C-alpha atoms as a PDB file:
ATOM      1  CA  MET A   1     104.126 158.901  28.285  1.00  0.00           C
ATOM      2  CA  ALA A   2     103.520 156.003  30.623  1.00  0.00           C
ATOM      3  CA  CYS A   3     106.493 154.544  32.697  1.00  0.00           C
ATOM      4  CA  HIS A   4     107.437 151.067  32.164  1.00  0.00           C
ATOM      5  CA  VAL A   5     108.462 150.827  35.903  1.00  0.00           C
ATOM      6  CA  LYS A   6     106.582 151.839  39.148  1.00  0.00           C
ATOM      7  CA  LYS A   7     107.603 152.425  42.706  1.00  0.00           C
ATOM      8  CA  ASN A   8     108.265 149.167  44.854  1.00  0.00           C
ATOM      9  CA  GLU A   9     108.838 146.885  41.748  1.00  0.00           C
ATOM     10  CA  ILE A  10     111.742 144.662  41.379  1.00  0.00           C
ATOM     11  CA  VAL A  11     113.857 145.900  38.371  1.00  0.00           C
ATOM     12  CA  GLU A  12     117.100 144.557  36.666  1.00  0.00           C
ATOM     13  CA  VAL A  13     119.791 147.123  35.570  1.00  0.00           C
ATOM     14  CA  ILE A  14     120.584 146.375  31.808  1.00  0.00           C
ATOM     15  CA  SER A  15     123.640 148.734  31.367  1.00  0.00           C
ATOM     16  CA  GLY A  16     126.325 150.593  33.171  1.00  0.00           C
ATOM     17  CA  ALA A  17     128.719 149.535  35.996  1.00  0.00           C
ATOM     18  CA  HIS A  18     125.922 147.698  37.843  1.00  0.00           C
ATOM     19  CA  ARG A  19     124.630 145.696  34.881  1.00  0.00           C
ATOM     20  CA  GLY A  20     122.752 142.628  35.920  1.00  0.00           C
ATOM     21  CA  ALA A  21     121.966 143.837  39.434  1.00  0.00           C
ATOM     22  CA  GLN A  22     118.462 143.601  40.658  1.00  0.00           C
ATOM     23  CA  GLY A  23     116.793 145.828  43.261  1.00  0.00           C
ATOM     24  CA  LYS A  24     113.622 147.461  44.359  1.00  0.00           C
ATOM     25  CA  VAL A  25     112.582 150.910  42.954  1.00  0.00           C
ATOM     26  CA  LEU A  26     112.483 153.496  45.662  1.00  0.00           C
ATOM     27  CA  HIS A  27     111.527 156.523  43.569  1.00  0.00           C
ATOM     28  CA  VAL A  28     110.522 157.344  39.912  1.00  0.00           C
ATOM     29  CA  ASP A  29     110.942 160.800  38.504  1.00  0.00           C
ATOM     30  CA  PRO A  30     108.935 160.632  35.127  1.00  0.00           C
ATOM     31  CA  VAL A  31     109.763 164.208  34.210  1.00  0.00           C
ATOM     32  CA  ARG A  32     113.446 163.814  34.304  1.00  0.00           C
ATOM     33  CA  GLU A  33     113.227 160.087  33.384  1.00  0.00           C
ATOM     34  CA  LEU A  34     115.255 158.881  36.409  1.00  0.00           C
ATOM     35  CA  VAL A  35     114.789 156.177  38.962  1.00  0.00           C
ATOM     36  CA  LEU A  36     116.338 155.208  42.406  1.00  0.00           C
ATOM     37  CA  VAL A  37     117.031 151.491  42.758  1.00  0.00           C
ATOM     38  CA  GLU A  38     117.935 150.036  46.185  1.00  0.00           C
ATOM     39  CA  GLY A  39     121.504 149.009  46.398  1.00  0.00           C
ATOM     40  CA  VAL A  40     122.403 150.252  43.004  1.00  0.00           C
ATOM     41  CA  ASN A  41     124.723 153.230  41.985  1.00  0.00           C
ATOM     42  CA  VAL A  42     125.550 153.852  45.691  1.00  0.00           C
ATOM     43  CA  VAL A  43     127.672 156.992  46.259  1.00  0.00           C
ATOM     44  CA  PHE A  44     129.129 158.867  49.289  1.00  0.00           C
ATOM     45  CA  ARG A  45     127.585 162.088  50.350  1.00  0.00           C
ATOM     46  CA  HIS A  46     129.494 164.457  52.801  1.00  0.00           C
ATOM     47  CA  VAL A  47     126.915 165.942  55.200  1.00  0.00           C
ATOM     48  CA  ARG A  48     127.273 168.680  57.858  1.00  0.00           C
ATOM     49  CA  PRO A  49     126.460 167.880  61.456  1.00  0.00           C
ATOM     50  CA  ASN A  50     122.595 168.674  62.010  1.00  0.00           C
ATOM     51  CA  ARG A  51     119.874 167.403  64.265  1.00  0.00           C
ATOM     52  CA  ARG A  52     119.211 164.283  62.253  1.00  0.00           C
ATOM     53  CA  ASN A  53     122.943 163.435  62.009  1.00  0.00           C
ATOM     54  CA  PRO A  54     124.769 165.114  64.818  1.00  0.00           C
ATOM     55  CA  GLN A  55     128.036 163.706  63.927  1.00  0.00           C
ATOM     56  CA  GLY A  56     127.949 164.422  60.274  1.00  0.00           C
ATOM     57  CA  GLY A  57     130.511 162.721  57.929  1.00  0.00           C
ATOM     58  CA  ARG A  58     130.176 160.532  55.001  1.00  0.00           C
ATOM     59  CA  VAL A  59     126.777 158.835  54.365  1.00  0.00           C
ATOM     60  CA  GLU A  60     126.031 156.348  51.597  1.00  0.00           C
ATOM     61  CA  LYS A  61     123.041 157.132  49.319  1.00  0.00           C
ATOM     62  CA  GLU A  62     121.522 155.537  46.005  1.00  0.00           C
ATOM     63  CA  ALA A  63     122.057 157.891  43.138  1.00  0.00           C
ATOM     64  CA  ALA A  64     119.547 158.019  40.282  1.00  0.00           C
ATOM     65  CA  ILE A  65     119.989 156.176  37.042  1.00  0.00           C
ATOM     66  CA  HIS A  66     118.209 156.674  33.797  1.00  0.00           C
ATOM     67  CA  ILE A  67     114.956 154.887  33.474  1.00  0.00           C
ATOM     68  CA  SER A  68     115.977 153.396  30.135  1.00  0.00           C
ATOM     69  CA  ASN A  69     118.632 151.514  31.961  1.00  0.00           C
ATOM     70  CA  VAL A  70     116.290 149.327  33.941  1.00  0.00           C
ATOM     71  CA  LEU A  71     113.742 146.627  33.127  1.00  0.00           C
ATOM     72  CA  PRO A  72     110.977 145.134  35.331  1.00  0.00           C
ATOM     73  CA  VAL A  73     111.736 141.444  36.366  1.00  0.00           C
ATOM     74  CA  ASP A  74     109.368 138.933  35.093  1.00  0.00           C
ATOM     75  CA  THR A  75     108.070 136.786  37.955  1.00  0.00           C
ATOM     76  CA  LYS A  76     108.207 133.594  35.971  1.00  0.00           C
ATOM     77  CA  THR A  77     111.733 133.835  34.544  1.00  0.00           C
ATOM     78  CA  GLN A  78     113.293 136.097  37.287  1.00  0.00           C
ATOM     79  CA  LYS A  79     114.908 138.116  34.487  1.00  0.00           C
ATOM     80  CA  GLY A  80     114.443 141.601  33.167  1.00  0.00           C
ATOM     81  CA  SER A  81     111.801 141.679  30.409  1.00  0.00           C
ATOM     82  CA  ARG A  82     110.557 144.421  28.066  1.00  0.00           C
ATOM     83  CA  VAL A  83     107.145 145.846  28.596  1.00  0.00           C
ATOM     84  CA  HIS A  84     104.334 146.679  26.216  1.00  0.00           C
ATOM     85  CA  PHE A  85     100.927 148.183  27.074  1.00  0.00           C
ATOM     86  CA  GLU A  86      97.634 146.724  25.946  1.00  0.00           C
ATOM     87  CA  VAL A  87      94.469 148.936  25.865  1.00  0.00           C
ATOM     88  CA  THR A  88      90.848 147.430  25.841  1.00  0.00           C
ATOM     89  CA  ARG A  89      88.166 149.797  24.434  1.00  0.00           C
ATOM     90  CA  ASN A  90      84.340 149.506  24.438  1.00  0.00           C
ATOM     91  CA  SER A  91      82.030 149.973  21.327  1.00  0.00           C
ATOM     92  CA  ALA A  92      82.016 153.726  21.835  1.00  0.00           C
ATOM     93  CA  GLY A  93      85.799 153.801  21.696  1.00  0.00           C
ATOM     94  CA  LYS A  94      86.397 154.823  25.357  1.00  0.00           C
ATOM     95  CA  VAL A  95      89.209 153.078  27.238  1.00  0.00           C
ATOM     96  CA  ILE A  96      87.934 150.359  29.638  1.00  0.00           C
ATOM     97  CA  LYS A  97      91.099 148.734  30.762  1.00  0.00           C
ATOM     98  CA  LYS A  98      94.861 149.279  30.461  1.00  0.00           C
ATOM     99  CA  GLU A  99      97.287 146.453  31.139  1.00  0.00           C
ATOM    100  CA  ARG A 100     101.151 146.373  31.430  1.00  0.00           C
ATOM    101  CA  ARG A 101     102.354 143.104  30.164  1.00  0.00           C
ATOM    102  CA  THR A 102     105.919 141.554  29.661  1.00  0.00           C
ATOM    103  CA  VAL A 103     106.851 140.440  26.316  1.00  0.00           C
ATOM    104  CA  GLY A 104     106.301 136.798  27.594  1.00  0.00           C
ATOM    105  CA  GLY A 105     102.729 137.675  28.181  1.00  0.00           C
ATOM    106  CA  THR A 106     102.677 137.865  32.083  1.00  0.00           C
ATOM    107  CA  VAL A 107     100.261 140.635  33.253  1.00  0.00           C
ATOM    108  CA  ILE A 108     102.266 143.143  35.457  1.00  0.00           C
ATOM    109  CA  ASP A 109      99.388 145.186  36.479  1.00  0.00           C
ATOM    110  CA  THR A 110      95.968 146.427  35.386  1.00  0.00           C
ATOM    111  CA  VAL A 111      94.146 149.730  35.447  1.00  0.00           C
ATOM    112  CA  LYS A 112      90.312 149.617  34.843  1.00  0.00           C
ATOM    113  CA  LYS A 113      88.387 152.768  34.185  1.00  0.00           C
ATOM    114  CA  VAL A 114      84.771 152.537  35.055  1.00  0.00           C
ATOM    115  CA  ASP A 115      83.566 156.020  33.976  1.00  0.00           C
ATOM    116  CA  GLN A 116      81.431 155.406  30.937  1.00  0.00           C
END
């Protein structure tokens, strides 16, 4: 199944403690259906001293949230918007182009397939 959000997109959280918050997607895990959003669901991790962090202690990290709890932000309205996929086929029925669009009609991105 295609994900409605991608890495480096700005998304809005639609449910949970951080409802209404917007942030950039840092990581998408399509198998477990989780996303990491910058500045959202920040938790403390207790780390031992190591070469990277010689002092150790408490480190703040973003924790994953379920992908269904975020929506991509529409560039026109600056609000979260639901997404649908539009597929264009040639006369033989092969997929030529796939587009991710918001409900308002704004094209988020396009994937063109040229192998015919």
